[in-house]
Amino acid sequence: HTESVNSNPIQMEIQVQAFAISSNDEVNNMTFYRYKLINRAIE
């Protein structure tokens, strides 16, 4: 890790779905992000 200096790795896997819908209402101005965070460490 060279962004958060001196940090130990979590062993985290992150799965992302980013999606959008074309519509005639306010949803047309939105984007959506679905994060699944999986701790794959032994602890």
ModelCIF file with pLDDT and N, C-alpha, C, O atoms, coordinates in Angstrom:
data_MODEL
#
_entry.id   MODEL 
#
_entity.id                         1 
_entity.type                       polymer 
_entity.pdbx_number_of_molecules   1 
#
_entity_poly.entity_id                      1 
_entity_poly.type                           'polypeptide(L)' 
_entity_poly.nstd_linkage                   no 
_entity_poly.nstd_monomer                   no 
_entity_poly.pdbx_seq_one_letter_code       HTESVNSNPIQMEIQVQAFAISSNDEVNNMTFYRYKLINRAIE 
_entity_poly.pdbx_seq_one_letter_code_can   HTESVNSNPIQMEIQVQAFAISSNDEVNNMTFYRYKLINRAIE 
_entity_poly.pdbx_strand_id                 A 
#
loop_
_entity_poly_seq.entity_id 
_entity_poly_seq.num 
_entity_poly_seq.mon_id 
_entity_poly_seq.hetero 
1 1  HIS n 
1 2  THR n 
1 3  GLU n 
1 4  SER n 
1 5  VAL n 
1 6  ASN n 
1 7  SER n 
1 8  ASN n 
1 9  PRO n 
1 10 ILE n 
1 11 GLN n 
1 12 MET n 
1 13 GLU n 
1 14 ILE n 
1 15 GLN n 
1 16 VAL n 
1 17 GLN n 
1 18 ALA n 
1 19 PHE n 
1 20 ALA n 
1 21 ILE n 
1 22 SER n 
1 23 SER n 
1 24 ASN n 
1 25 ASP n 
1 26 GLU n 
1 27 VAL n 
1 28 ASN n 
1 29 ASN n 
1 30 MET n 
1 31 THR n 
1 32 PHE n 
1 33 TYR n 
1 34 ARG n 
1 35 TYR n 
1 36 LYS n 
1 37 LEU n 
1 38 ILE n 
1 39 ASN n 
1 40 ARG n 
1 41 ALA n 
1 42 ILE n 
1 43 GLU n 
#
_struct_asym.id          A 
_struct_asym.entity_id   1 
#
loop_
_ma_qa_metric.id 
_ma_qa_metric.mode 
_ma_qa_metric.name 
_ma_qa_metric.software_group_id 
_ma_qa_metric.type 
1 global pLDDT . pLDDT 
2 local  pLDDT . pLDDT 
#
_ma_qa_metric_global.metric_id      1 
_ma_qa_metric_global.metric_value   93.21 
_ma_qa_metric_global.model_id       1 
_ma_qa_metric_global.ordinal_id     1 
#
loop_
_ma_qa_metric_local.label_asym_id 
_ma_qa_metric_local.label_comp_id 
_ma_qa_metric_local.label_seq_id 
_ma_qa_metric_local.metric_id 
_ma_qa_metric_local.metric_value 
_ma_qa_metric_local.model_id 
_ma_qa_metric_local.ordinal_id 
A HIS 1  2 94.00 1 1  
A THR 2  2 93.00 1 2  
A GLU 3  2 93.00 1 3  
A SER 4  2 92.00 1 4  
A VAL 5  2 86.00 1 5  
A ASN 6  2 79.00 1 6  
A SER 7  2 88.00 1 7  
A ASN 8  2 89.00 1 8  
A PRO 9  2 93.00 1 9  
A ILE 10 2 95.00 1 10 
A GLN 11 2 95.00 1 11 
A MET 12 2 95.00 1 12 
A GLU 13 2 96.00 1 13 
A ILE 14 2 96.00 1 14 
A GLN 15 2 95.00 1 15 
A VAL 16 2 96.00 1 16 
A GLN 17 2 95.00 1 17 
A ALA 18 2 97.00 1 18 
A PHE 19 2 96.00 1 19 
A ALA 20 2 97.00 1 20 
A ILE 21 2 96.00 1 21 
A SER 22 2 97.00 1 22 
A SER 23 2 95.00 1 23 
A ASN 24 2 95.00 1 24 
A ASP 25 2 93.00 1 25 
A GLU 26 2 92.00 1 26 
A VAL 27 2 93.00 1 27 
A ASN 28 2 95.00 1 28 
A ASN 29 2 94.00 1 29 
A MET 30 2 94.00 1 30 
A THR 31 2 96.00 1 31 
A PHE 32 2 94.00 1 32 
A TYR 33 2 94.00 1 33 
A ARG 34 2 93.00 1 34 
A TYR 35 2 92.00 1 35 
A LYS 36 2 92.00 1 36 
A LEU 37 2 92.00 1 37 
A ILE 38 2 92.00 1 38 
A ASN 39 2 93.00 1 39 
A ARG 40 2 93.00 1 40 
A ALA 41 2 93.00 1 41 
A ILE 42 2 90.00 1 42 
A GLU 43 2 90.00 1 43 
#
loop_
_atom_site.group_PDB 
_atom_site.id 
_atom_site.type_symbol 
_atom_site.label_atom_id 
_atom_site.label_alt_id 
_atom_site.label_comp_id 
_atom_site.label_asym_id 
_atom_site.label_entity_id 
_atom_site.label_seq_id 
_atom_site.pdbx_PDB_ins_code 
_atom_site.Cartn_x 
_atom_site.Cartn_y 
_atom_site.Cartn_z 
_atom_site.occupancy 
_atom_site.B_iso_or_equiv 
_atom_site.pdbx_formal_charge 
_atom_site.auth_seq_id 
_atom_site.auth_comp_id 
_atom_site.auth_asym_id 
_atom_site.auth_atom_id 
_atom_site.pdbx_PDB_model_num 
ATOM 1   N N  . HIS A 1 1  ? 0.841   -1.190  0.000   1.00 94.00 ? 1  HIS A N  1 
ATOM 2   C CA . HIS A 1 1  ? 0.000   0.000   0.000   1.00 94.00 ? 1  HIS A CA 1 
ATOM 3   C C  . HIS A 1 1  ? 0.883   1.249   0.000   1.00 94.00 ? 1  HIS A C  1 
ATOM 4   O O  . HIS A 1 1  ? 1.668   1.465   0.923   1.00 94.00 ? 1  HIS A O  1 
ATOM 5   N N  . THR A 1 2  ? 0.745   2.062   -1.039  1.00 93.00 ? 2  THR A N  1 
ATOM 6   C CA . THR A 1 2  ? 1.528   3.290   -1.144  1.00 93.00 ? 2  THR A CA 1 
ATOM 7   C C  . THR A 1 2  ? 0.655   4.537   -1.131  1.00 93.00 ? 2  THR A C  1 
ATOM 8   O O  . THR A 1 2  ? 1.173   5.649   -1.229  1.00 93.00 ? 2  THR A O  1 
ATOM 9   N N  . GLU A 1 3  ? -0.657  4.374   -1.012  1.00 93.00 ? 3  GLU A N  1 
ATOM 10  C CA . GLU A 1 3  ? -1.554  5.522   -0.874  1.00 93.00 ? 3  GLU A CA 1 
ATOM 11  C C  . GLU A 1 3  ? -1.787  5.838   0.603   1.00 93.00 ? 3  GLU A C  1 
ATOM 12  O O  . GLU A 1 3  ? -1.521  6.957   1.041   1.00 93.00 ? 3  GLU A O  1 
ATOM 13  N N  . SER A 1 4  ? -2.278  4.873   1.370   1.00 92.00 ? 4  SER A N  1 
ATOM 14  C CA . SER A 1 4  ? -2.401  5.051   2.822   1.00 92.00 ? 4  SER A CA 1 
ATOM 15  C C  . SER A 1 4  ? -1.119  4.503   3.449   1.00 92.00 ? 4  SER A C  1 
ATOM 16  O O  . SER A 1 4  ? -1.032  3.316   3.765   1.00 92.00 ? 4  SER A O  1 
ATOM 17  N N  . VAL A 1 5  ? -0.146  5.360   3.621   1.00 86.00 ? 5  VAL A N  1 
ATOM 18  C CA . VAL A 1 5  ? 1.212   4.967   4.020   1.00 86.00 ? 5  VAL A CA 1 
ATOM 19  C C  . VAL A 1 5  ? 1.171   4.241   5.367   1.00 86.00 ? 5  VAL A C  1 
ATOM 20  O O  . VAL A 1 5  ? 0.453   4.644   6.282   1.00 86.00 ? 5  VAL A O  1 
ATOM 21  N N  . ASN A 1 6  ? 1.946   3.176   5.469   1.00 79.00 ? 6  ASN A N  1 
ATOM 22  C CA . ASN A 1 6  ? 2.085   2.352   6.681   1.00 79.00 ? 6  ASN A CA 1 
ATOM 23  C C  . ASN A 1 6  ? 0.852   1.498   6.969   1.00 79.00 ? 6  ASN A C  1 
ATOM 24  O O  . ASN A 1 6  ? 0.716   0.982   8.078   1.00 79.00 ? 6  ASN A O  1 
ATOM 25  N N  . SER A 1 7  ? -0.029  1.338   6.021   1.00 88.00 ? 7  SER A N  1 
ATOM 26  C CA . SER A 1 7  ? -1.211  0.508   6.278   1.00 88.00 ? 7  SER A CA 1 
ATOM 27  C C  . SER A 1 7  ? -0.932  -0.951  5.933   1.00 88.00 ? 7  SER A C  1 
ATOM 28  O O  . SER A 1 7  ? -0.221  -1.253  4.975   1.00 88.00 ? 7  SER A O  1 
ATOM 29  N N  . ASN A 1 8  ? -1.499  -1.836  6.721   1.00 89.00 ? 8  ASN A N  1 
ATOM 30  C CA . ASN A 1 8  ? -1.442  -3.265  6.435   1.00 89.00 ? 8  ASN A CA 1 
ATOM 31  C C  . ASN A 1 8  ? -2.596  -3.632  5.514   1.00 89.00 ? 8  ASN A C  1 
ATOM 32  O O  . ASN A 1 8  ? -3.660  -3.019  5.603   1.00 89.00 ? 8  ASN A O  1 
ATOM 33  N N  . PRO A 1 9  ? -2.423  -4.609  4.635   1.00 93.00 ? 9  PRO A N  1 
ATOM 34  C CA . PRO A 1 9  ? -3.510  -5.012  3.743   1.00 93.00 ? 9  PRO A CA 1 
ATOM 35  C C  . PRO A 1 9  ? -4.639  -5.670  4.520   1.00 93.00 ? 9  PRO A C  1 
ATOM 36  O O  . PRO A 1 9  ? -4.405  -6.375  5.501   1.00 93.00 ? 9  PRO A O  1 
ATOM 37  N N  . ILE A 1 10 ? -5.847  -5.435  4.079   1.00 95.00 ? 10 ILE A N  1 
ATOM 38  C CA . ILE A 1 10 ? -7.014  -6.078  4.683   1.00 95.00 ? 10 ILE A CA 1 
ATOM 39  C C  . ILE A 1 10 ? -7.230  -7.460  4.086   1.00 95.00 ? 10 ILE A C  1 
ATOM 40  O O  . ILE A 1 10 ? -7.807  -8.329  4.738   1.00 95.00 ? 10 ILE A O  1 
ATOM 41  N N  . GLN A 1 11 ? -6.775  -7.675  2.853   1.00 95.00 ? 11 GLN A N  1 
ATOM 42  C CA . GLN A 1 11 ? -7.135  -8.828  2.021   1.00 95.00 ? 11 GLN A CA 1 
ATOM 43  C C  . GLN A 1 11 ? -8.624  -8.767  1.685   1.00 95.00 ? 11 GLN A C  1 
ATOM 44  O O  . GLN A 1 11 ? -9.376  -9.724  1.869   1.00 95.00 ? 11 GLN A O  1 
ATOM 45  N N  . MET A 1 12 ? -9.004  -7.611  1.191   1.00 95.00 ? 12 MET A N  1 
ATOM 46  C CA . MET A 1 12 ? -10.385 -7.337  0.831   1.00 95.00 ? 12 MET A CA 1 
ATOM 47  C C  . MET A 1 12 ? -10.559 -7.452  -0.682  1.00 95.00 ? 12 MET A C  1 
ATOM 48  O O  . MET A 1 12 ? -9.792  -6.876  -1.453  1.00 95.00 ? 12 MET A O  1 
ATOM 49  N N  . GLU A 1 13 ? -11.569 -8.195  -1.087  1.00 96.00 ? 13 GLU A N  1 
ATOM 50  C CA . GLU A 1 13 ? -11.975 -8.254  -2.489  1.00 96.00 ? 13 GLU A CA 1 
ATOM 51  C C  . GLU A 1 13 ? -13.234 -7.425  -2.662  1.00 96.00 ? 13 GLU A C  1 
ATOM 52  O O  . GLU A 1 13 ? -14.170 -7.537  -1.871  1.00 96.00 ? 13 GLU A O  1 
ATOM 53  N N  . ILE A 1 14 ? -13.260 -6.598  -3.688  1.00 96.00 ? 14 ILE A N  1 
ATOM 54  C CA . ILE A 1 14 ? -14.375 -5.684  -3.910  1.00 96.00 ? 14 ILE A CA 1 
ATOM 55  C C  . ILE A 1 14 ? -14.935 -5.918  -5.305  1.00 96.00 ? 14 ILE A C  1 
ATOM 56  O O  . ILE A 1 14 ? -14.243 -5.733  -6.307  1.00 96.00 ? 14 ILE A O  1 
ATOM 57  N N  . GLN A 1 15 ? -16.193 -6.326  -5.353  1.00 95.00 ? 15 GLN A N  1 
ATOM 58  C CA . GLN A 1 15 ? -16.891 -6.560  -6.616  1.00 95.00 ? 15 GLN A CA 1 
ATOM 59  C C  . GLN A 1 15 ? -17.878 -5.419  -6.827  1.00 95.00 ? 15 GLN A C  1 
ATOM 60  O O  . GLN A 1 15 ? -18.648 -5.084  -5.927  1.00 95.00 ? 15 GLN A O  1 
ATOM 61  N N  . VAL A 1 16 ? -17.857 -4.826  -8.013  1.00 96.00 ? 16 VAL A N  1 
ATOM 62  C CA . VAL A 1 16 ? -18.660 -3.634  -8.271  1.00 96.00 ? 16 VAL A CA 1 
ATOM 63  C C  . VAL A 1 16 ? -19.552 -3.837  -9.496  1.00 96.00 ? 16 VAL A C  1 
ATOM 64  O O  . VAL A 1 16 ? -19.107 -4.319  -10.538 1.00 96.00 ? 16 VAL A O  1 
ATOM 65  N N  . GLN A 1 17 ? -20.813 -3.460  -9.344  1.00 95.00 ? 17 GLN A N  1 
ATOM 66  C CA . GLN A 1 17 ? -21.728 -3.289  -10.464 1.00 95.00 ? 17 GLN A CA 1 
ATOM 67  C C  . GLN A 1 17 ? -22.046 -1.801  -10.554 1.00 95.00 ? 17 GLN A C  1 
ATOM 68  O O  . GLN A 1 17 ? -22.607 -1.233  -9.617  1.00 95.00 ? 17 GLN A O  1 
ATOM 69  N N  . ALA A 1 18 ? -21.700 -1.170  -11.657 1.00 97.00 ? 18 ALA A N  1 
ATOM 70  C CA . ALA A 1 18 ? -22.123 0.204   -11.924 1.00 97.00 ? 18 ALA A CA 1 
ATOM 71  C C  . ALA A 1 18 ? -23.157 0.140   -13.040 1.00 97.00 ? 18 ALA A C  1 
ATOM 72  O O  . ALA A 1 18 ? -22.946 -0.524  -14.054 1.00 97.00 ? 18 ALA A O  1 
ATOM 73  N N  . PHE A 1 19 ? -24.265 0.827   -12.851 1.00 96.00 ? 19 PHE A N  1 
ATOM 74  C CA . PHE A 1 19 ? -25.310 0.735   -13.869 1.00 96.00 ? 19 PHE A CA 1 
ATOM 75  C C  . PHE A 1 19 ? -26.100 2.020   -13.957 1.00 96.00 ? 19 PHE A C  1 
ATOM 76  O O  . PHE A 1 19 ? -26.076 2.851   -13.049 1.00 96.00 ? 19 PHE A O  1 
ATOM 77  N N  . ALA A 1 20 ? -26.800 2.169   -15.067 1.00 97.00 ? 20 ALA A N  1 
ATOM 78  C CA . ALA A 1 20 ? -27.607 3.359   -15.324 1.00 97.00 ? 20 ALA A CA 1 
ATOM 79  C C  . ALA A 1 20 ? -28.806 2.971   -16.161 1.00 97.00 ? 20 ALA A C  1 
ATOM 80  O O  . ALA A 1 20 ? -28.807 1.954   -16.854 1.00 97.00 ? 20 ALA A O  1 
ATOM 81  N N  . ILE A 1 21 ? -29.832 3.811   -16.079 1.00 96.00 ? 21 ILE A N  1 
ATOM 82  C CA . ILE A 1 21 ? -31.101 3.577   -16.759 1.00 96.00 ? 21 ILE A CA 1 
ATOM 83  C C  . ILE A 1 21 ? -31.454 4.811   -17.569 1.00 96.00 ? 21 ILE A C  1 
ATOM 84  O O  . ILE A 1 21 ? -31.406 5.932   -17.061 1.00 96.00 ? 21 ILE A O  1 
ATOM 85  N N  . SER A 1 22 ? -31.807 4.604   -18.827 1.00 97.00 ? 22 SER A N  1 
ATOM 86  C CA . SER A 1 22 ? -32.265 5.690   -19.678 1.00 97.00 ? 22 SER A CA 1 
ATOM 87  C C  . SER A 1 22 ? -33.770 5.826   -19.522 1.00 97.00 ? 22 SER A C  1 
ATOM 88  O O  . SER A 1 22 ? -34.514 4.875   -19.763 1.00 97.00 ? 22 SER A O  1 
ATOM 89  N N  . SER A 1 23 ? -34.227 7.032   -19.111 1.00 95.00 ? 23 SER A N  1 
ATOM 90  C CA . SER A 1 23 ? -35.645 7.213   -18.813 1.00 95.00 ? 23 SER A CA 1 
ATOM 91  C C  . SER A 1 23 ? -36.059 8.646   -19.093 1.00 95.00 ? 23 SER A C  1 
ATOM 92  O O  . SER A 1 23 ? -35.241 9.472   -19.499 1.00 95.00 ? 23 SER A O  1 
ATOM 93  N N  . ASN A 1 24 ? -37.338 8.937   -18.874 1.00 95.00 ? 24 ASN A N  1 
ATOM 94  C CA . ASN A 1 24 ? -37.871 10.277  -19.071 1.00 95.00 ? 24 ASN A CA 1 
ATOM 95  C C  . ASN A 1 24 ? -38.101 11.010  -17.753 1.00 95.00 ? 24 ASN A C  1 
ATOM 96  O O  . ASN A 1 24 ? -38.764 12.047  -17.728 1.00 95.00 ? 24 ASN A O  1 
ATOM 97  N N  . ASP A 1 25 ? -37.560 10.480  -16.661 1.00 93.00 ? 25 ASP A N  1 
ATOM 98  C CA . ASP A 1 25 ? -37.736 11.117  -15.363 1.00 93.00 ? 25 ASP A CA 1 
ATOM 99  C C  . ASP A 1 25 ? -36.379 11.363  -14.731 1.00 93.00 ? 25 ASP A C  1 
ATOM 100 O O  . ASP A 1 25 ? -35.354 11.309  -15.412 1.00 93.00 ? 25 ASP A O  1 
ATOM 101 N N  . GLU A 1 26 ? -36.366 11.639  -13.410 1.00 92.00 ? 26 GLU A N  1 
ATOM 102 C CA . GLU A 1 26 ? -35.124 12.014  -12.746 1.00 92.00 ? 26 GLU A CA 1 
ATOM 103 C C  . GLU A 1 26 ? -34.088 10.890  -12.728 1.00 92.00 ? 26 GLU A C  1 
ATOM 104 O O  . GLU A 1 26 ? -32.900 11.150  -12.540 1.00 92.00 ? 26 GLU A O  1 
ATOM 105 N N  . VAL A 1 27 ? -34.522 9.650   -12.921 1.00 93.00 ? 27 VAL A N  1 
ATOM 106 C CA . VAL A 1 27 ? -33.568 8.537   -12.958 1.00 93.00 ? 27 VAL A CA 1 
ATOM 107 C C  . VAL A 1 27 ? -32.592 8.700   -14.124 1.00 93.00 ? 27 VAL A C  1 
ATOM 108 O O  . VAL A 1 27 ? -31.496 8.139   -14.101 1.00 93.00 ? 27 VAL A O  1 
ATOM 109 N N  . ASN A 1 28 ? -32.984 9.457   -15.131 1.00 95.00 ? 28 ASN A N  1 
ATOM 110 C CA . ASN A 1 28 ? -32.107 9.703   -16.279 1.00 95.00 ? 28 ASN A CA 1 
ATOM 111 C C  . ASN A 1 28 ? -30.864 10.510  -15.886 1.00 95.00 ? 28 ASN A C  1 
ATOM 112 O O  . ASN A 1 28 ? -29.884 10.541  -16.630 1.00 95.00 ? 28 ASN A O  1 
ATOM 113 N N  . ASN A 1 29 ? -30.904 11.161  -14.721 1.00 94.00 ? 29 ASN A N  1 
ATOM 114 C CA . ASN A 1 29 ? -29.761 11.933  -14.231 1.00 94.00 ? 29 ASN A CA 1 
ATOM 115 C C  . ASN A 1 29 ? -29.018 11.220  -13.110 1.00 94.00 ? 29 ASN A C  1 
ATOM 116 O O  . ASN A 1 29 ? -28.250 11.851  -12.384 1.00 94.00 ? 29 ASN A O  1 
ATOM 117 N N  . MET A 1 30 ? -29.232 9.921   -12.957 1.00 94.00 ? 30 MET A N  1 
ATOM 118 C CA . MET A 1 30 ? -28.618 9.157   -11.872 1.00 94.00 ? 30 MET A CA 1 
ATOM 119 C C  . MET A 1 30 ? -27.696 8.069   -12.418 1.00 94.00 ? 30 MET A C  1 
ATOM 120 O O  . MET A 1 30 ? -27.894 7.552   -13.517 1.00 94.00 ? 30 MET A O  1 
ATOM 121 N N  . THR A 1 31 ? -26.692 7.740   -11.622 1.00 96.00 ? 31 THR A N  1 
ATOM 122 C CA . THR A 1 31 ? -25.923 6.517   -11.834 1.00 96.00 ? 31 THR A CA 1 
ATOM 123 C C  . THR A 1 31 ? -25.916 5.738   -10.527 1.00 96.00 ? 31 THR A C  1 
ATOM 124 O O  . THR A 1 31 ? -26.015 6.325   -9.450  1.00 96.00 ? 31 THR A O  1 
ATOM 125 N N  . PHE A 1 32 ? -25.800 4.419   -10.620 1.00 94.00 ? 32 PHE A N  1 
ATOM 126 C CA . PHE A 1 32 ? -25.930 3.530   -9.470  1.00 94.00 ? 32 PHE A CA 1 
ATOM 127 C C  . PHE A 1 32 ? -24.680 2.667   -9.346  1.00 94.00 ? 32 PHE A C  1 
ATOM 128 O O  . PHE A 1 32 ? -24.081 2.275   -10.348 1.00 94.00 ? 32 PHE A O  1 
ATOM 129 N N  . TYR A 1 33 ? -24.289 2.372   -8.089  1.00 94.00 ? 33 TYR A N  1 
ATOM 130 C CA . TYR A 1 33 ? -23.080 1.588   -7.831  1.00 94.00 ? 33 TYR A CA 1 
ATOM 131 C C  . TYR A 1 33 ? -23.377 0.595   -6.721  1.00 94.00 ? 33 TYR A C  1 
ATOM 132 O O  . TYR A 1 33 ? -23.792 0.969   -5.624  1.00 94.00 ? 33 TYR A O  1 
ATOM 133 N N  . ARG A 1 34 ? -23.157 -0.668  -7.025  1.00 93.00 ? 34 ARG A N  1 
ATOM 134 C CA . ARG A 1 34 ? -23.429 -1.723  -6.049  1.00 93.00 ? 34 ARG A CA 1 
ATOM 135 C C  . ARG A 1 34 ? -22.101 -2.378  -5.686  1.00 93.00 ? 34 ARG A C  1 
ATOM 136 O O  . ARG A 1 34 ? -21.476 -3.014  -6.535  1.00 93.00 ? 34 ARG A O  1 
ATOM 137 N N  . TYR A 1 35 ? -21.658 -2.233  -4.429  1.00 92.00 ? 35 TYR A N  1 
ATOM 138 C CA . TYR A 1 35 ? -20.377 -2.752  -3.960  1.00 92.00 ? 35 TYR A CA 1 
ATOM 139 C C  . TYR A 1 35 ? -20.599 -3.977  -3.085  1.00 92.00 ? 35 TYR A C  1 
ATOM 140 O O  . TYR A 1 35 ? -21.412 -3.956  -2.160  1.00 92.00 ? 35 TYR A O  1 
ATOM 141 N N  . LYS A 1 36 ? -19.876 -5.031  -3.384  1.00 92.00 ? 36 LYS A N  1 
ATOM 142 C CA . LYS A 1 36 ? -19.809 -6.197  -2.502  1.00 92.00 ? 36 LYS A CA 1 
ATOM 143 C C  . LYS A 1 36 ? -18.389 -6.284  -1.964  1.00 92.00 ? 36 LYS A C  1 
ATOM 144 O O  . LYS A 1 36 ? -17.451 -6.498  -2.731  1.00 92.00 ? 36 LYS A O  1 
ATOM 145 N N  . LEU A 1 37 ? -18.217 -6.120  -0.653  1.00 92.00 ? 37 LEU A N  1 
ATOM 146 C CA . LEU A 1 37 ? -16.909 -6.146  0.003   1.00 92.00 ? 37 LEU A CA 1 
ATOM 147 C C  . LEU A 1 37 ? -16.753 -7.487  0.697   1.00 92.00 ? 37 LEU A C  1 
ATOM 148 O O  . LEU A 1 37 ? -17.554 -7.836  1.564   1.00 92.00 ? 37 LEU A O  1 
ATOM 149 N N  . ILE A 1 38 ? -15.727 -8.240  0.321   1.00 92.00 ? 38 ILE A N  1 
ATOM 150 C CA . ILE A 1 38 ? -15.519 -9.587  0.849   1.00 92.00 ? 38 ILE A CA 1 
ATOM 151 C C  . ILE A 1 38 ? -14.181 -9.652  1.579   1.00 92.00 ? 38 ILE A C  1 
ATOM 152 O O  . ILE A 1 38 ? -13.123 -9.488  0.972   1.00 92.00 ? 38 ILE A O  1 
ATOM 153 N N  . ASN A 1 39 ? -14.238 -9.891  2.869   1.00 93.00 ? 39 ASN A N  1 
ATOM 154 C CA . ASN A 1 39 ? -13.019 -10.054 3.662   1.00 93.00 ? 39 ASN A CA 1 
ATOM 155 C C  . ASN A 1 39 ? -12.499 -11.474 3.479   1.00 93.00 ? 39 ASN A C  1 
ATOM 156 O O  . ASN A 1 39 ? -13.085 -12.423 4.000   1.00 93.00 ? 39 ASN A O  1 
ATOM 157 N N  . ARG A 1 40 ? -11.405 -11.623 2.744   1.00 93.00 ? 40 ARG A N  1 
ATOM 158 C CA . ARG A 1 40 ? -10.848 -12.953 2.477   1.00 93.00 ? 40 ARG A CA 1 
ATOM 159 C C  . ARG A 1 40 ? -9.635  -13.260 3.358   1.00 93.00 ? 40 ARG A C  1 
ATOM 160 O O  . ARG A 1 40 ? -8.891  -14.200 3.079   1.00 93.00 ? 40 ARG A O  1 
ATOM 161 N N  . ALA A 1 41 ? -9.436  -12.488 4.400   1.00 93.00 ? 41 ALA A N  1 
ATOM 162 C CA . ALA A 1 41 ? -8.374  -12.793 5.354   1.00 93.00 ? 41 ALA A CA 1 
ATOM 163 C C  . ALA A 1 41 ? -8.774  -13.986 6.208   1.00 93.00 ? 41 ALA A C  1 
ATOM 164 O O  . ALA A 1 41 ? -9.951  -14.340 6.270   1.00 93.00 ? 41 ALA A O  1 
ATOM 165 N N  . ILE A 1 42 ? -7.801  -14.607 6.868   1.00 90.00 ? 42 ILE A N  1 
ATOM 166 C CA . ILE A 1 42 ? -8.099  -15.746 7.735   1.00 90.00 ? 42 ILE A CA 1 
ATOM 167 C C  . ILE A 1 42 ? -8.650  -15.291 9.072   1.00 90.00 ? 42 ILE A C  1 
ATOM 168 O O  . ILE A 1 42 ? -9.037  -16.119 9.898   1.00 90.00 ? 42 ILE A O  1 
ATOM 169 N N  . GLU A 1 43 ? -8.690  -13.978 9.298   1.00 90.00 ? 43 GLU A N  1 
ATOM 170 C CA . GLU A 1 43 ? -9.125  -13.427 10.575  1.00 90.00 ? 43 GLU A CA 1 
ATOM 171 C C  . GLU A 1 43 ? -10.207 -12.383 10.353  1.00 90.00 ? 43 GLU A C  1 
ATOM 172 O O  . GLU A 1 43 ? -10.708 -11.798 11.314  1.00 90.00 ? 43 GLU A O  1 
#
